[in-house]
């Protein structure tokens, strides 16, 4: 479960990073030498890339590597609390 959570969180983080870098890659291409239809499409893509893509974790917000690690810490804390609660008796 830990590997699955961290793999999902890493993938979400990579989507955020790569989508942010897409606008720079589009701008560095030779888009200005293309026909007008292609220029319009590239311009729309660059405008859309100003806000990076992200995957949401339901109502909890955007999922990224930091959130994945914090959920892992939360699960560990909860598990250790429940384990220590059984030893109190």
PDB file of N, CA and C in Angstrom:
ATOM      1  N   UNK A   1       0.821  -1.187   0.000  1.00  0.00           N
ATOM      2  CA  UNK A   1       0.000   0.000   0.000  1.00  0.00           C
ATOM      3  C   UNK A   1       0.872   1.261   0.000  1.00  0.00           C
ATOM      4  N   UNK A   2       1.998   1.195   0.714  1.00  0.00           N
ATOM      5  CA  UNK A   2       2.889   2.355   0.777  1.00  0.00           C
ATOM      6  C   UNK A   2       3.459   2.658  -0.602  1.00  0.00           C
ATOM      7  N   UNK A   3       3.903   1.620  -1.280  1.00  0.00           N
ATOM      8  CA  UNK A   3       4.476   1.810  -2.619  1.00  0.00           C
ATOM      9  C   UNK A   3       3.406   2.315  -3.576  1.00  0.00           C
ATOM     10  N   UNK A   4       2.207   1.809  -3.469  1.00  0.00           N
ATOM     11  CA  UNK A   4       1.117   2.242  -4.334  1.00  0.00           C
ATOM     12  C   UNK A   4       0.782   3.717  -4.095  1.00  0.00           C
ATOM     13  N   UNK A   5       0.716   4.133  -2.845  1.00  0.00           N
ATOM     14  CA  UNK A   5       0.432   5.525  -2.514  1.00  0.00           C
ATOM     15  C   UNK A   5       1.532   6.451  -3.017  1.00  0.00           C
ATOM     16  N   UNK A   6       2.784   6.072  -2.771  1.00  0.00           N
ATOM     17  CA  UNK A   6       3.888   6.927  -3.205  1.00  0.00           C
ATOM     18  C   UNK A   6       4.035   6.954  -4.723  1.00  0.00           C
ATOM     19  N   UNK A   7       3.743   5.840  -5.395  1.00  0.00           N
ATOM     20  CA  UNK A   7       3.781   5.829  -6.859  1.00  0.00           C
ATOM     21  C   UNK A   7       2.708   6.732  -7.439  1.00  0.00           C
ATOM     22  N   UNK A   8       1.519   6.681  -6.871  1.00  0.00           N
ATOM     23  CA  UNK A   8       0.432   7.552  -7.319  1.00  0.00           C
ATOM     24  C   UNK A   8       0.772   9.016  -7.064  1.00  0.00           C
ATOM     25  N   UNK A   9       1.312   9.316  -5.890  1.00  0.00           N
ATOM     26  CA  UNK A   9       1.678  10.693  -5.558  1.00  0.00           C
ATOM     27  C   UNK A   9       2.799  11.201  -6.466  1.00  0.00           C
ATOM     28  N   UNK A  10       3.786  10.346  -6.759  1.00  0.00           N
ATOM     29  CA  UNK A  10       4.878  10.741  -7.650  1.00  0.00           C
ATOM     30  C   UNK A  10       4.363  11.011  -9.060  1.00  0.00           C
ATOM     31  N   UNK A  11       3.453  10.158  -9.536  1.00  0.00           N
ATOM     32  CA  UNK A  11       2.874  10.352 -10.866  1.00  0.00           C
ATOM     33  C   UNK A  11       2.096  11.658 -10.949  1.00  0.00           C
ATOM     34  N   UNK A  12       1.323  11.952  -9.925  1.00  0.00           N
ATOM     35  CA  UNK A  12       0.582  13.218  -9.890  1.00  0.00           C
ATOM     36  C   UNK A  12       1.533  14.406  -9.881  1.00  0.00           C
ATOM     37  N   UNK A  13       2.615  14.297  -9.136  1.00  0.00           N
ATOM     38  CA  UNK A  13       3.611  15.363  -9.087  1.00  0.00           C
ATOM     39  C   UNK A  13       4.269  15.563 -10.452  1.00  0.00           C
ATOM     40  N   UNK A  14       4.567  14.471 -11.144  1.00  0.00           N
ATOM     41  CA  UNK A  14       5.169  14.563 -12.475  1.00  0.00           C
ATOM     42  C   UNK A  14       4.227  15.211 -13.479  1.00  0.00           C
ATOM     43  N   UNK A  15       2.928  14.939 -13.376  1.00  0.00           N
ATOM     44  CA  UNK A  15       1.953  15.582 -14.256  1.00  0.00           C
ATOM     45  C   UNK A  15       1.976  17.085 -14.049  1.00  0.00           C
ATOM     46  N   UNK A  16       2.044  17.531 -12.810  1.00  0.00           N
ATOM     47  CA  UNK A  16       2.087  18.963 -12.509  1.00  0.00           C
ATOM     48  C   UNK A  16       3.348  19.597 -13.089  1.00  0.00           C
ATOM     49  N   UNK A  17       4.485  18.954 -12.876  1.00  0.00           N
ATOM     50  CA  UNK A  17       5.768  19.501 -13.341  1.00  0.00           C
ATOM     51  C   UNK A  17       5.832  19.534 -14.867  1.00  0.00           C
ATOM     52  N   UNK A  18       5.476  18.422 -15.513  1.00  0.00           N
ATOM     53  CA  UNK A  18       5.577  18.350 -16.966  1.00  0.00           C
ATOM     54  C   UNK A  18       4.596  19.289 -17.659  1.00  0.00           C
ATOM     55  N   UNK A  19       3.406  19.456 -17.103  1.00  0.00           N
ATOM     56  CA  UNK A  19       2.457  20.363 -17.739  1.00  0.00           C
ATOM     57  C   UNK A  19       2.903  21.814 -17.591  1.00  0.00           C
ATOM     58  N   UNK A  20       3.620  22.129 -16.519  1.00  0.00           N
ATOM     59  CA  UNK A  20       4.147  23.483 -16.358  1.00  0.00           C
ATOM     60  C   UNK A  20       5.287  23.746 -17.343  1.00  0.00           C
ATOM     61  N   UNK A  21       6.062  22.726 -17.649  1.00  0.00           N
ATOM     62  CA  UNK A  21       7.178  22.880 -18.581  1.00  0.00           C
ATOM     63  C   UNK A  21       6.731  22.851 -20.040  1.00  0.00           C
ATOM     64  N   UNK A  22       5.501  22.445 -20.292  1.00  0.00           N
ATOM     65  CA  UNK A  22       5.007  22.348 -21.660  1.00  0.00           C
ATOM     66  C   UNK A  22       4.915  23.715 -22.329  1.00  0.00           C
ATOM     67  N   UNK A  23       4.512  24.737 -21.597  1.00  0.00           N
ATOM     68  CA  UNK A  23       4.415  26.084 -22.168  1.00  0.00           C
ATOM     69  C   UNK A  23       5.782  26.582 -22.624  1.00  0.00           C
ATOM     70  N   UNK A  24       6.810  26.333 -21.846  1.00  0.00           N
ATOM     71  CA  UNK A  24       8.162  26.749 -22.230  1.00  0.00           C
ATOM     72  C   UNK A  24       8.632  25.991 -23.463  1.00  0.00           C
ATOM     73  N   UNK A  25       8.313  24.710 -23.534  1.00  0.00           N
ATOM     74  CA  UNK A  25       8.709  23.919 -24.696  1.00  0.00           C
ATOM     75  C   UNK A  25       7.983  24.382 -25.956  1.00  0.00           C
ATOM     76  N   UNK A  26       6.714  24.724 -25.810  1.00  0.00           N
ATOM     77  CA  UNK A  26       5.970  25.243 -26.960  1.00  0.00           C
ATOM     78  C   UNK A  26       6.549  26.566 -27.432  1.00  0.00           C
ATOM     79  N   UNK A  27       6.879  27.440 -26.492  1.00  0.00           N
ATOM     80  CA  UNK A  27       7.408  28.749 -26.860  1.00  0.00           C
ATOM     81  C   UNK A  27       8.764  28.636 -27.546  1.00  0.00           C
ATOM     82  N   UNK A  28       9.575  27.683 -27.128  1.00  0.00           N
ATOM     83  CA  UNK A  28      10.909  27.510 -27.703  1.00  0.00           C
ATOM     84  C   UNK A  28      10.890  26.821 -29.072  1.00  0.00           C
ATOM     85  N   UNK A  29       9.739  26.299 -29.472  1.00  0.00           N
ATOM     86  CA  UNK A  29       9.654  25.673 -30.791  1.00  0.00           C
ATOM     87  C   UNK A  29       9.565  26.744 -31.873  1.00  0.00           C
ATOM     88  N   UNK A  30       9.547  26.329 -33.121  1.00  0.00           N
ATOM     89  CA  UNK A  30       9.453  27.268 -34.245  1.00  0.00           C
ATOM     90  C   UNK A  30       7.995  27.546 -34.614  1.00  0.00           C
ATOM     91  N   UNK A  31       7.171  27.817 -33.630  1.00  0.00           N
ATOM     92  CA  UNK A  31       5.751  28.037 -33.874  1.00  0.00           C
ATOM     93  C   UNK A  31       5.491  29.291 -34.698  1.00  0.00           C
ATOM     94  N   UNK A  32       6.378  30.260 -34.620  1.00  0.00           N
ATOM     95  CA  UNK A  32       6.176  31.517 -35.343  1.00  0.00           C
ATOM     96  C   UNK A  32       6.446  31.372 -36.834  1.00  0.00           C
ATOM     97  N   UNK A  33       7.046  30.278 -37.268  1.00  0.00           N
ATOM     98  CA  UNK A  33       7.289  30.023 -38.684  1.00  0.00           C
ATOM     99  C   UNK A  33       6.181  29.180 -39.323  1.00  0.00           C
ATOM    100  N   UNK A  34       5.178  28.792 -38.545  1.00  0.00           N
ATOM    101  CA  UNK A  34       4.097  27.947 -39.053  1.00  0.00           C
ATOM    102  C   UNK A  34       2.975  28.807 -39.635  1.00  0.00           C
ATOM    103  N   UNK A  35       1.981  28.117 -40.200  1.00  0.00           N
ATOM    104  CA  UNK A  35       0.831  28.842 -40.740  1.00  0.00           C
ATOM    105  C   UNK A  35      -0.021  29.413 -39.617  1.00  0.00           C
ATOM    106  N   UNK A  36      -0.970  30.259 -39.962  1.00  0.00           N
ATOM    107  CA  UNK A  36      -1.740  30.985 -38.947  1.00  0.00           C
ATOM    108  C   UNK A  36      -2.610  30.059 -38.100  1.00  0.00           C
ATOM    109  N   UNK A  37      -3.143  28.989 -38.679  1.00  0.00           N
ATOM    110  CA  UNK A  37      -3.968  28.053 -37.908  1.00  0.00           C
ATOM    111  C   UNK A  37      -3.137  27.391 -36.811  1.00  0.00           C
ATOM    112  N   UNK A  38      -1.924  26.983 -37.153  1.00  0.00           N
ATOM    113  CA  UNK A  38      -1.036  26.362 -36.173  1.00  0.00           C
ATOM    114  C   UNK A  38      -0.628  27.366 -35.101  1.00  0.00           C
ATOM    115  N   UNK A  39      -0.392  28.608 -35.478  1.00  0.00           N
ATOM    116  CA  UNK A  39      -0.043  29.648 -34.507  1.00  0.00           C
ATOM    117  C   UNK A  39      -1.156  29.846 -33.489  1.00  0.00           C
ATOM    118  N   UNK A  40      -2.397  29.841 -33.964  1.00  0.00           N
ATOM    119  CA  UNK A  40      -3.539  30.011 -33.052  1.00  0.00           C
ATOM    120  C   UNK A  40      -3.630  28.833 -32.092  1.00  0.00           C
ATOM    121  N   UNK A  41      -3.467  27.620 -32.599  1.00  0.00           N
ATOM    122  CA  UNK A  41      -3.543  26.427 -31.750  1.00  0.00           C
ATOM    123  C   UNK A  41      -2.432  26.440 -30.702  1.00  0.00           C
ATOM    124  N   UNK A  42      -1.214  26.781 -31.116  1.00  0.00           N
ATOM    125  CA  UNK A  42      -0.095  26.828 -30.166  1.00  0.00           C
ATOM    126  C   UNK A  42      -0.324  27.923 -29.135  1.00  0.00           C
ATOM    127  N   UNK A  43      -0.871  29.047 -29.570  1.00  0.00           N
ATOM    128  CA  UNK A  43      -1.154  30.142 -28.633  1.00  0.00           C
ATOM    129  C   UNK A  43      -2.192  29.720 -27.590  1.00  0.00           C
ATOM    130  N   UNK A  44      -3.227  29.027 -28.033  1.00  0.00           N
ATOM    131  CA  UNK A  44      -4.248  28.528 -27.091  1.00  0.00           C
ATOM    132  C   UNK A  44      -3.634  27.525 -26.124  1.00  0.00           C
ATOM    133  N   UNK A  45      -2.777  26.653 -26.641  1.00  0.00           N
ATOM    134  CA  UNK A  45      -2.116  25.673 -25.770  1.00  0.00           C
ATOM    135  C   UNK A  45      -1.230  26.365 -24.739  1.00  0.00           C
ATOM    136  N   UNK A  46      -0.500  27.417 -25.151  1.00  0.00           N
ATOM    137  CA  UNK A  46       0.352  28.128 -24.201  1.00  0.00           C
ATOM    138  C   UNK A  46      -0.483  28.847 -23.145  1.00  0.00           C
ATOM    139  N   UNK A  47      -1.632  29.384 -23.544  1.00  0.00           N
ATOM    140  CA  UNK A  47      -2.507  30.031 -22.560  1.00  0.00           C
ATOM    141  C   UNK A  47      -3.044  29.008 -21.567  1.00  0.00           C
ATOM    142  N   UNK A  48      -3.409  27.822 -22.061  1.00  0.00           N
ATOM    143  CA  UNK A  48      -3.928  26.776 -21.178  1.00  0.00           C
ATOM    144  C   UNK A  48      -2.848  26.263 -20.226  1.00  0.00           C
ATOM    145  N   UNK A  49      -1.608  26.263 -20.685  1.00  0.00           N
ATOM    146  CA  UNK A  49      -0.505  25.736 -19.870  1.00  0.00           C
ATOM    147  C   UNK A  49      -0.092  26.690 -18.754  1.00  0.00           C
ATOM    148  N   UNK A  50      -0.642  27.878 -18.707  1.00  0.00           N
ATOM    149  CA  UNK A  50      -0.303  28.799 -17.622  1.00  0.00           C
ATOM    150  C   UNK A  50      -0.802  28.264 -16.278  1.00  0.00           C
ATOM    151  N   UNK A  51      -1.854  27.474 -16.308  1.00  0.00           N
ATOM    152  CA  UNK A  51      -2.349  26.809 -15.100  1.00  0.00           C
ATOM    153  C   UNK A  51      -2.043  25.318 -15.248  1.00  0.00           C
ATOM    154  N   UNK A  52      -1.106  24.794 -14.452  1.00  0.00           N
ATOM    155  CA  UNK A  52      -0.688  23.392 -14.630  1.00  0.00           C
ATOM    156  C   UNK A  52      -1.834  22.405 -14.394  1.00  0.00           C
ATOM    157  N   UNK A  53      -1.767  21.280 -15.086  1.00  0.00           N
ATOM    158  CA  UNK A  53      -2.723  20.201 -14.868  1.00  0.00           C
ATOM    159  C   UNK A  53      -2.474  19.579 -13.504  1.00  0.00           C
ATOM    160  N   UNK A  54      -3.522  19.085 -12.892  1.00  0.00           N
ATOM    161  CA  UNK A  54      -3.352  18.415 -11.602  1.00  0.00           C
ATOM    162  C   UNK A  54      -4.457  17.393 -11.421  1.00  0.00           C
ATOM    163  N   UNK A  55      -4.199  16.417 -10.617  1.00  0.00           N
ATOM    164  CA  UNK A  55      -5.196  15.421 -10.248  1.00  0.00           C
ATOM    165  C   UNK A  55      -5.661  15.725  -8.837  1.00  0.00           C
ATOM    166  N   UNK A  56      -6.952  15.687  -8.655  1.00  0.00           N
ATOM    167  CA  UNK A  56      -7.517  15.981  -7.335  1.00  0.00           C
ATOM    168  C   UNK A  56      -7.828  14.686  -6.597  1.00  0.00           C
ATOM    169  N   UNK A  57      -7.656  14.742  -5.307  1.00  0.00           N
ATOM    170  CA  UNK A  57      -7.879  13.605  -4.441  1.00  0.00           C
ATOM    171  C   UNK A  57      -9.242  13.769  -3.769  1.00  0.00           C
ATOM    172  N   UNK A  58     -10.285  13.733  -4.572  1.00  0.00           N
ATOM    173  CA  UNK A  58     -11.633  13.929  -4.051  1.00  0.00           C
ATOM    174  C   UNK A  58     -11.792  15.326  -3.497  1.00  0.00           C
ATOM    175  N   UNK A  59     -12.352  15.420  -2.325  1.00  0.00           N
ATOM    176  CA  UNK A  59     -12.543  16.731  -1.695  1.00  0.00           C
ATOM    177  C   UNK A  59     -11.326  17.163  -0.882  1.00  0.00           C
ATOM    178  N   UNK A  60     -10.259  16.361  -0.897  1.00  0.00           N
ATOM    179  CA  UNK A  60      -9.064  16.674  -0.122  1.00  0.00           C
ATOM    180  C   UNK A  60      -8.145  17.665  -0.824  1.00  0.00           C
ATOM    181  N   UNK A  61      -8.342  17.899  -2.104  1.00  0.00           N
ATOM    182  CA  UNK A  61      -7.524  18.868  -2.825  1.00  0.00           C
ATOM    183  C   UNK A  61      -6.616  18.216  -3.848  1.00  0.00           C
ATOM    184  N   UNK A  62      -5.608  18.957  -4.259  1.00  0.00           N
ATOM    185  CA  UNK A  62      -4.682  18.518  -5.291  1.00  0.00           C
ATOM    186  C   UNK A  62      -3.735  17.466  -4.729  1.00  0.00           C
ATOM    187  N   UNK A  63      -3.538  16.399  -5.498  1.00  0.00           N
ATOM    188  CA  UNK A  63      -2.642  15.327  -5.076  1.00  0.00           C
ATOM    189  C   UNK A  63      -1.260  15.571  -5.680  1.00  0.00           C
ATOM    190  N   UNK A  64      -0.245  15.611  -4.840  1.00  0.00           N
ATOM    191  CA  UNK A  64       1.133  15.700  -5.302  1.00  0.00           C
ATOM    192  C   UNK A  64       2.004  14.930  -4.321  1.00  0.00           C
ATOM    193  N   UNK A  65       3.309  15.005  -4.500  1.00  0.00           N
ATOM    194  CA  UNK A  65       4.216  14.215  -3.676  1.00  0.00           C
ATOM    195  C   UNK A  65       4.163  14.632  -2.208  1.00  0.00           C
ATOM    196  N   UNK A  66       4.049  15.922  -1.957  1.00  0.00           N
ATOM    197  CA  UNK A  66       3.988  16.415  -0.575  1.00  0.00           C
ATOM    198  C   UNK A  66       2.739  15.901   0.137  1.00  0.00           C
ATOM    199  N   UNK A  67       1.620  15.901  -0.552  1.00  0.00           N
ATOM    200  CA  UNK A  67       0.373  15.401   0.041  1.00  0.00           C
ATOM    201  C   UNK A  67       0.463  13.902   0.277  1.00  0.00           C
ATOM    202  N   UNK A  68       1.079  13.175  -0.663  1.00  0.00           N
ATOM    203  CA  UNK A  68       1.241  11.731  -0.495  1.00  0.00           C
ATOM    204  C   UNK A  68       2.066  11.387   0.725  1.00  0.00           C
ATOM    205  N   UNK A  69       3.159  12.104   0.925  1.00  0.00           N
ATOM    206  CA  UNK A  69       4.010  11.856   2.095  1.00  0.00           C
ATOM    207  C   UNK A  69       3.274  12.228   3.378  1.00  0.00           C
ATOM    208  N   UNK A  70       2.515  13.315   3.341  1.00  0.00           N
ATOM    209  CA  UNK A  70       1.777  13.703   4.553  1.00  0.00           C
ATOM    210  C   UNK A  70       0.696  12.677   4.886  1.00  0.00           C
ATOM    211  N   UNK A  71       0.038  12.096   3.870  1.00  0.00           N
ATOM    212  CA  UNK A  71      -0.957  11.039   4.119  1.00  0.00           C
ATOM    213  C   UNK A  71      -0.279   9.791   4.690  1.00  0.00           C
ATOM    214  N   UNK A  72       0.921   9.500   4.220  1.00  0.00           N
ATOM    215  CA  UNK A  72       1.672   8.363   4.742  1.00  0.00           C
ATOM    216  C   UNK A  72       2.034   8.595   6.205  1.00  0.00           C
ATOM    217  N   UNK A  73       2.459   9.798   6.550  1.00  0.00           N
ATOM    218  CA  UNK A  73       2.768  10.129   7.941  1.00  0.00           C
ATOM    219  C   UNK A  73       1.523  10.046   8.806  1.00  0.00           C
ATOM    220  N   UNK A  74       0.392  10.522   8.267  1.00  0.00           N
ATOM    221  CA  UNK A  74      -0.865  10.464   9.003  1.00  0.00           C
ATOM    222  C   UNK A  74      -1.267   9.015   9.270  1.00  0.00           C
ATOM    223  N   UNK A  75      -1.140   8.156   8.273  1.00  0.00           N
ATOM    224  CA  UNK A  75      -1.494   6.742   8.441  1.00  0.00           C
ATOM    225  C   UNK A  75      -0.574   6.074   9.459  1.00  0.00           C
ATOM    226  N   UNK A  76       0.718   6.406   9.420  1.00  0.00           N
ATOM    227  CA  UNK A  76       1.661   5.836  10.384  1.00  0.00           C
ATOM    228  C   UNK A  76       1.326   6.300  11.807  1.00  0.00           C
ATOM    229  N   UNK A  77       1.015   7.582  11.959  1.00  0.00           N
ATOM    230  CA  UNK A  77       0.661   8.101  13.286  1.00  0.00           C
ATOM    231  C   UNK A  77      -0.594   7.433  13.816  1.00  0.00           C
ATOM    232  N   UNK A  78      -1.597   7.286  12.952  1.00  0.00           N
ATOM    233  CA  UNK A  78      -2.841   6.649  13.358  1.00  0.00           C
ATOM    234  C   UNK A  78      -2.607   5.197  13.749  1.00  0.00           C
ATOM    235  N   UNK A  79      -1.809   4.487  12.957  1.00  0.00           N
ATOM    236  CA  UNK A  79      -1.526   3.083  13.248  1.00  0.00           C
ATOM    237  C   UNK A  79      -0.758   2.931  14.553  1.00  0.00           C
ATOM    238  N   UNK A  80       0.245   3.781  14.775  1.00  0.00           N
ATOM    239  CA  UNK A  80       1.010   3.681  16.020  1.00  0.00           C
ATOM    240  C   UNK A  80       0.166   4.071  17.225  1.00  0.00           C
ATOM    241  N   UNK A  81      -0.744   5.015  17.052  1.00  0.00           N
ATOM    242  CA  UNK A  81      -1.642   5.399  18.145  1.00  0.00           C
ATOM    243  C   UNK A  81      -2.570   4.247  18.500  1.00  0.00           C
ATOM    244  N   UNK A  82      -3.126   3.584  17.493  1.00  0.00           N
ATOM    245  CA  UNK A  82      -4.010   2.453  17.742  1.00  0.00           C
ATOM    246  C   UNK A  82      -3.252   1.275  18.351  1.00  0.00           C
ATOM    247  N   UNK A  83      -2.021   1.076  17.920  1.00  0.00           N
ATOM    248  CA  UNK A  83      -1.210  -0.006  18.473  1.00  0.00           C
ATOM    249  C   UNK A  83      -0.871   0.271  19.930  1.00  0.00           C
ATOM    250  N   UNK A  84      -0.514   1.509  20.247  1.00  0.00           N
ATOM    251  CA  UNK A  84      -0.196   1.877  21.628  1.00  0.00           C
ATOM    252  C   UNK A  84      -1.444   1.896  22.502  1.00  0.00           C
ATOM    253  N   UNK A  85      -2.603   2.144  21.926  1.00  0.00           N
ATOM    254  CA  UNK A  85      -3.862   2.136  22.674  1.00  0.00           C
ATOM    255  C   UNK A  85      -4.212   0.755  23.186  1.00  0.00           C
ATOM    256  N   UNK A  86      -3.805  -0.278  22.461  1.00  0.00           N
ATOM    257  CA  UNK A  86      -4.065  -1.653  22.887  1.00  0.00           C
ATOM    258  C   UNK A  86      -3.171  -2.046  24.056  1.00  0.00           C
ATOM    259  N   UNK A  87      -2.006  -1.435  24.204  1.00  0.00           N
ATOM    260  CA  UNK A  87      -1.061  -1.790  25.271  1.00  0.00           C
ATOM    261  C   UNK A  87      -1.362  -1.054  26.572  1.00  0.00           C
ATOM    262  N   UNK A  88      -2.286  -0.148  26.599  1.00  0.00           N
ATOM    263  CA  UNK A  88      -2.567   0.637  27.806  1.00  0.00           C
ATOM    264  C   UNK A  88      -3.224  -0.236  28.870  1.00  0.00           C
ATOM    265  N   UNK A  89      -4.039  -1.180  28.496  1.00  0.00           N
ATOM    266  CA  UNK A  89      -4.759  -1.997  29.461  1.00  0.00           C
ATOM    267  C   UNK A  89      -3.835  -2.811  30.228  1.00  0.00           C
TER     268      UNK A  89
END
